[in-house]
Protein backbone atom coordinates (compact mmCIF):
# COMPACT_ATOMS: atom_id res chain seq x y z
CA MET A 1 -16.39 -13.76 -6.32
CA GLU A 2 -12.66 -13.80 -7.14
CA TYR A 3 -10.44 -10.87 -6.21
CA THR A 4 -6.90 -10.35 -7.49
CA PHE A 5 -4.38 -8.36 -5.47
CA THR A 6 -0.74 -8.42 -4.40
CA LEU A 7 0.85 -8.26 -0.97
CA LYS A 8 4.55 -7.34 -0.79
CA TYR A 9 6.60 -8.08 2.32
CA GLN A 10 10.07 -7.62 3.75
CA ILE A 11 11.42 -10.80 5.30
CA VAL A 12 13.29 -9.87 8.46
CA GLU A 13 14.51 -13.36 9.42
CA PRO A 14 18.13 -13.58 8.19
CA GLY A 15 18.99 -16.81 6.40
CA THR A 16 15.38 -17.82 5.83
CA ASP A 17 15.00 -20.96 3.71
CA LEU A 18 12.75 -19.72 0.91
CA ASP A 19 11.48 -23.18 -0.04
CA GLU A 20 10.43 -23.77 3.57
CA LEU A 21 8.83 -20.32 3.63
CA VAL A 22 6.75 -21.11 0.54
CA GLU A 23 5.68 -24.40 2.15
CA ARG A 24 4.59 -22.57 5.32
CA LEU A 25 2.59 -20.09 3.25
CA GLY A 26 0.78 -22.92 1.47
CA ALA A 27 0.04 -24.70 4.74
CA CYS A 28 -1.42 -21.50 6.22
CA GLY A 29 -3.91 -20.92 3.41
CA CYS A 30 -1.89 -19.01 0.81
CA ASP A 31 -2.24 -21.78 -1.78
CA ASP A 32 -4.21 -19.33 -3.94
CA ALA A 33 -1.18 -17.06 -4.41
CA LEU A 34 1.73 -16.97 -6.81
CA VAL A 35 4.81 -16.40 -4.67
CA GLY A 36 7.63 -14.22 -5.96
CA ILE A 37 11.00 -14.52 -4.20
CA GLY A 38 13.20 -12.76 -6.77
CA LEU A 39 14.50 -9.93 -4.59
CA PRO A 40 16.65 -10.77 -1.57
CA GLY A 41 14.80 -10.10 1.67
CA ARG A 42 11.49 -9.59 -0.13
CA ILE A 43 8.51 -11.73 -0.99
CA ALA A 44 5.49 -10.85 -3.13
CA LEU A 45 2.27 -12.82 -3.17
CA GLU A 46 -0.20 -12.33 -6.01
CA PHE A 47 -3.51 -13.66 -4.76
CA THR A 48 -6.60 -14.68 -6.68
CA ARG A 49 -8.86 -15.26 -3.70
CA GLU A 50 -12.53 -16.19 -3.54
CA ALA A 51 -14.51 -14.26 -0.95
CA ASN A 52 -17.77 -12.39 -0.43
CA SER A 53 -15.99 -9.04 -0.69
CA ALA A 54 -12.60 -7.56 -1.54
CA LYS A 55 -12.18 -6.62 2.11
CA ALA A 56 -12.75 -10.22 3.21
CA ALA A 57 -10.30 -11.49 0.58
CA VAL A 58 -7.52 -9.05 1.47
CA VAL A 59 -7.94 -9.26 5.24
CA SER A 60 -7.97 -13.07 5.18
CA ALA A 61 -4.82 -13.09 3.02
CA LEU A 62 -3.09 -10.70 5.44
CA ALA A 63 -4.04 -12.97 8.33
CA ASP A 64 -2.81 -16.08 6.49
CA VAL A 65 0.55 -14.49 5.74
CA LYS A 66 0.83 -13.24 9.32
CA GLN A 67 0.24 -16.79 10.56
CA ALA A 68 2.83 -18.23 8.17
CA ILE A 69 5.49 -15.54 8.62
CA PRO A 70 4.79 -13.63 11.86
CA THR A 71 7.87 -11.41 11.53
CA ALA A 72 7.29 -10.36 7.90
CA LYS A 73 6.71 -6.62 7.45
CA LEU A 74 4.09 -5.52 4.96
CA ILE A 75 5.58 -3.15 2.38
CA GLU A 76 2.54 -2.57 0.20
CA ALA A 77 -0.83 -3.94 -0.82
CA ALA A 78 -1.57 -3.51 -4.51
CA PRO A 79 -3.22 -2.30 -6.65
CA ASP A 80 -3.07 1.05 -4.94
CA LEU A 81 -0.25 3.45 -5.74
CA VAL A 82 -0.17 3.98 -9.51
CA GLY A 83 1.03 6.27 -12.26
CA LEU A 84 -1.06 7.45 -15.20
CA THR A 85 0.12 4.55 -17.35
CA ASP A 86 -1.12 2.07 -14.74
CA VAL A 87 -4.51 3.81 -14.53
CA ALA A 88 -4.77 3.84 -18.32
CA ASP A 89 -4.07 0.10 -18.43
CA VAL A 90 -6.74 -0.64 -15.80
CA ILE A 91 -9.36 1.53 -17.52
CA GLY A 92 -8.42 0.49 -21.05
CA VAL A 93 -7.42 3.87 -22.48
CA SER A 94 -4.12 5.37 -23.57
CA ARG A 95 -1.73 7.12 -21.23
CA GLN A 96 -2.15 10.24 -23.36
CA ASN A 97 -5.90 10.10 -22.78
CA MET A 98 -5.36 9.91 -19.00
CA ARG A 99 -2.85 12.78 -19.09
CA LYS A 100 -5.29 14.90 -21.10
CA LEU A 101 -8.05 14.17 -18.56
CA MET A 102 -5.75 15.08 -15.67
CA LEU A 103 -4.65 18.35 -17.27
CA SER A 104 -8.06 19.43 -18.51
CA HIS A 105 -9.70 18.71 -15.12
CA ALA A 106 -6.89 19.93 -12.88
CA THR A 107 -9.23 21.21 -10.18
CA SER A 108 -11.34 18.05 -9.87
CA PHE A 109 -8.86 15.29 -10.79
CA PRO A 110 -7.69 13.46 -7.65
CA THR A 111 -4.65 14.91 -5.95
CA PRO A 112 -1.54 12.77 -6.33
CA VAL A 113 0.03 11.14 -3.30
CA HIS A 114 3.38 12.18 -4.73
CA GLU A 115 3.93 14.76 -7.43
CA GLY A 116 7.11 14.95 -9.44
CA SER A 117 8.63 13.64 -12.63
CA ALA A 118 6.71 10.46 -11.84
CA SER A 119 3.48 11.36 -10.04
CA VAL A 120 1.59 8.70 -8.08
CA TRP A 121 -2.12 8.46 -7.20
CA HIS A 122 -4.32 6.09 -5.25
CA LEU A 123 -5.95 3.95 -7.95
CA ALA A 124 -9.26 3.87 -6.05
CA GLU A 125 -9.53 7.66 -6.04
CA VAL A 126 -8.88 7.95 -9.78
CA MET A 127 -11.27 5.10 -10.59
CA ALA A 128 -14.00 6.64 -8.41
CA TRP A 129 -13.45 9.99 -10.15
CA LEU A 130 -13.74 8.34 -13.57
CA GLN A 131 -16.82 6.41 -12.47
CA ALA A 132 -18.49 9.62 -11.24
CA ARG A 133 -17.88 11.22 -14.64
CA GLY A 134 -19.83 8.35 -16.23
CA ALA A 135 -17.82 8.38 -19.45
CA TYR A 136 -15.63 5.40 -18.57
CA GLU A 137 -16.48 1.82 -17.71
CA VAL A 138 -14.98 1.02 -14.32
CA ASP A 139 -14.73 -2.62 -13.24
CA THR A 140 -16.44 -2.65 -9.84
CA SER A 141 -14.39 -5.62 -8.61
CA THR A 142 -11.12 -3.83 -9.39
CA LEU A 143 -12.44 -0.66 -7.77
CA GLU A 144 -13.44 -2.60 -4.64
CA VAL A 145 -9.97 -4.20 -4.43
CA ALA A 146 -8.27 -0.83 -5.00
CA GLN A 147 -10.38 0.77 -2.25
CA THR A 148 -9.48 -2.05 0.14
CA THR A 149 -5.75 -2.05 -0.65
CA MET A 150 -5.69 1.73 -0.23
CA GLN A 151 -7.21 1.29 3.24
CA VAL A 152 -4.59 -1.37 4.07
CA ASN A 153 -1.75 0.91 2.98
CA LEU A 154 -3.22 3.86 4.88
CA ALA A 155 -3.51 1.71 7.99
CA LYS A 156 0.08 0.57 7.55
CA GLU A 157 1.22 4.16 7.30
CA ALA A 158 -1.06 5.13 10.22
CA GLU A 159 -2.85 7.90 8.36
CA VAL A 160 -5.77 7.74 10.75
CA ARG A 161 -7.37 10.91 9.41
CA ARG A 162 -8.51 9.01 6.27
CA LEU A 163 -8.78 5.52 7.71
CA ARG A 164 -12.20 4.15 8.62
CA PRO A 165 -12.26 3.09 12.31
CA GLU A 166 -13.51 -0.44 11.60
CA MET A 167 -10.63 -1.01 9.14
CA ARG A 168 -8.09 0.37 11.65
CA ARG A 169 -9.30 -2.00 14.39
CA GLU A 170 -9.29 -5.01 12.08
CA LEU A 171 -6.01 -4.34 10.27
CA ARG A 172 -3.69 -2.99 12.99
CA PRO A 173 -3.05 -6.45 14.58
CA LEU A 174 -2.11 -7.87 11.17
CA PHE A 175 0.91 -5.59 10.63
CA ALA A 176 4.35 -6.45 11.97
């Protein structure tokens, strides 16, 4: 199965030759990723990776990047942190529909990671909530990727209270 996800990194090597960096990534197995080098000191890799599971796809991509750029620091694995517009796009409904759902189910709708003028949720939690309601078609591949990227980001942030032990053991060595 193919899984699509993005890994965003900070490049900590000053004066890194970006063309050489892209070559190293390709040589280390990241030839299934589109590489974005638009922001100074940052690199984003959008993978479309074949694997038996989303976890296998994401973990292997993390390992490949770590091999190619050992000093790179993971910023974020996506899709994970999203606003209502992002969720609406993934599910195929309007933002207004998502906002109405959130407001009318305030006690059961997933709690945002950040609440403010722009609130942010874990995509996996909102998708699982929508799936449990049964009224919305949730793409299981996207849900599996979102669950995996959420675990990666939680591991990165060391929120061990929500992180499954097997993911913590497997992911910790992959972070700079």
